[in-house]
Every structure is written in C-alpha cells, then in structure tokens.
Protein backbone atom coordinates (compact mmCIF):
# COMPACT_ATOMS: atom_id res chain seq x y z
CA MET A 1 202.82 45.14 53.80
CA ILE A 2 204.49 47.54 50.93
CA GLU A 3 201.47 47.61 48.17
CA GLY A 4 203.73 49.98 45.90
CA ILE A 5 206.66 52.51 45.84
CA GLY A 6 206.91 55.34 42.86
CA ILE A 7 209.43 57.84 42.30
CA ASP A 8 209.45 60.76 39.54
CA VAL A 9 211.81 63.37 38.51
CA VAL A 10 211.19 66.79 36.74
CA ASP A 11 213.44 69.14 35.29
CA ILE A 12 212.45 72.37 36.38
CA SER A 13 212.99 74.39 33.29
CA ARG A 14 211.08 72.18 31.34
CA PHE A 15 208.25 72.10 33.09
CA GLN A 16 208.00 75.93 33.19
CA GLU A 17 207.84 75.61 29.00
CA SER A 18 205.22 73.13 29.77
CA LEU A 19 203.40 75.78 31.45
CA ASP A 20 203.77 78.85 29.32
CA ARG A 21 203.21 76.57 25.95
CA THR A 22 200.08 75.46 27.37
CA PRO A 23 198.31 77.69 30.06
CA GLU A 24 195.07 75.13 30.53
CA LEU A 25 197.86 72.62 31.75
CA ARG A 26 198.23 74.48 35.43
CA SER A 27 194.15 74.14 36.30
CA ARG A 28 194.16 70.80 34.67
CA VAL A 29 196.80 69.03 36.88
CA PHE A 30 196.65 71.58 39.91
CA THR A 31 194.10 71.96 42.68
CA PRO A 32 193.24 75.86 43.16
CA GLY A 33 195.61 75.65 46.37
CA GLU A 34 198.25 74.31 44.35
CA ALA A 35 198.02 76.24 41.21
CA PRO A 36 199.23 79.82 42.53
CA LEU A 37 202.58 78.33 44.16
CA LYS A 38 205.95 78.71 42.63
CA ILE A 39 207.35 76.21 39.79
CA ALA A 40 210.10 74.35 41.87
CA SER A 41 206.91 73.70 44.17
CA LEU A 42 204.39 72.88 41.46
CA ALA A 43 207.22 70.78 39.55
CA ALA A 44 207.76 68.86 42.88
CA ARG A 45 204.41 68.57 42.96
CA PHE A 46 203.67 67.12 39.45
CA ALA A 47 206.27 64.55 40.39
CA ALA A 48 204.44 64.09 43.81
CA LYS A 49 201.44 63.12 41.52
CA GLU A 50 203.20 61.10 38.88
CA ALA A 51 205.00 58.84 41.38
CA LEU A 52 201.35 58.41 43.32
CA VAL A 53 200.16 57.17 39.75
CA LYS A 54 203.10 54.75 39.71
CA ALA A 55 202.71 53.51 43.15
CA LEU A 56 198.92 52.64 42.71
CA ASP A 57 199.55 51.35 39.09
CA ALA A 58 196.19 53.20 38.44
CA ARG A 59 196.84 55.64 35.39
CA ASP A 60 193.29 54.54 34.35
CA MET A 61 191.54 55.53 37.38
CA PHE A 62 193.96 58.66 38.26
CA SER A 63 191.76 62.20 38.54
CA TRP A 64 194.71 65.18 38.83
CA GLN A 65 192.17 67.02 40.57
CA ASP A 66 191.29 64.13 43.13
CA VAL A 67 194.73 64.55 44.91
CA GLU A 68 196.78 67.41 46.44
CA VAL A 69 199.84 67.87 47.92
CA VAL A 70 200.06 70.08 51.05
CA ASN A 71 202.08 70.68 54.04
CA SER A 72 201.57 69.64 57.65
CA LYS A 73 202.41 72.44 60.47
CA THR A 74 206.12 70.72 60.47
CA GLY A 75 206.65 71.00 56.61
CA LYS A 76 206.32 67.34 55.82
CA PRO A 77 204.57 67.13 52.43
CA LYS A 78 201.44 64.43 52.36
CA PHE A 79 198.35 63.85 50.17
CA LEU A 80 194.76 64.98 50.34
CA PHE A 81 192.34 62.59 48.34
CA LYS A 82 188.85 62.77 47.40
CA GLY A 83 186.75 60.86 45.00
CA ALA A 84 187.57 57.78 43.29
CA LEU A 85 190.98 58.21 44.47
CA ALA A 86 189.95 58.33 48.09
CA ALA A 87 188.26 55.08 47.79
CA ARG A 88 191.05 53.44 45.90
CA ILE A 89 193.34 54.76 49.05
CA GLY A 90 190.87 53.41 51.67
CA ASP A 91 193.01 52.97 54.82
CA ALA A 92 196.56 52.75 53.37
CA LYS A 93 199.28 55.00 54.50
CA VAL A 94 200.62 56.64 51.93
CA HIS A 95 204.39 57.89 52.13
CA LEU A 96 205.39 61.30 50.34
CA SER A 97 208.96 62.56 50.45
CA ILE A 98 209.53 65.49 47.97
CA SER A 99 212.81 67.57 47.21
CA HIS A 100 214.05 70.73 44.52
CA ASP A 101 217.32 71.18 43.93
CA ALA A 102 219.66 72.08 41.03
CA GLY A 103 216.77 72.63 38.58
CA ILE A 104 215.57 68.68 39.42
CA ALA A 105 212.35 68.54 41.17
CA SER A 106 211.94 65.02 42.58
CA ALA A 107 209.49 62.58 44.77
CA MET A 108 209.07 59.58 45.95
CA VAL A 109 205.77 57.73 47.10
CA LEU A 110 205.57 54.32 49.44
CA ILE A 111 202.06 52.61 49.79
CA GLU A 112 201.64 50.38 53.05
CA ARG A 113 198.62 48.28 53.67
CA ASN A 114 197.92 46.27 56.83
C-alpha cells in the first residue's frame, strides 16, 4: 500500500546563492558525507529530503541530519535513516529518484508499507 508520495524541484543557481548567503546552511542541512559534494548533487539531495518530508507529512519531527542520501554500487540513490526518522520509517520501503540537468535538480519519493 502506498503511504505517501513527495516531489520537489530546486533551481541550482538559486540554491548556490542560498549557500553563499548563509554558509552554515550547508552543515545544517547536509551530513558530513554529503556536504563536500558538488552543487548539483547538493541541490538534488536537498530536493530528495524535501520530497521525503512531503511523502511522510512529517515536517514537525524531521531532522536534516537524520537522513542522508547515498548511492548504491550501481549508482541508484537511496536514503539512510537514523534517530526518530528511522523509527518513523520502520519497515516501510522508501523509493527515491533524483535528477539534475539544465540548472534544475528534482527528486521524487514514494513510501510503501505492507
């Protein structure tokens, strides 16, 4: 059964401006494993986290540091969860698709539960 769907789109140049204007944003939003990535990858990961919040309808209990976007050996993106967010996800299957091209980063999240 589908529990939630979320999508988000980020303008990469505007996202870069936000990071330049507010340097602490990088360490607040991204884990140490994500923070060194290039801007397009950061924007896509930001979109992924926003899409996750929408799919879960869980902004009130969401912590940016409790979720990290990593890539499998084949390059497929997936989430790693910890803390309260890991408990909220439980045994749900979380699908993630991200993309970035032509100055835009996007992500879609689908959450399934048996």
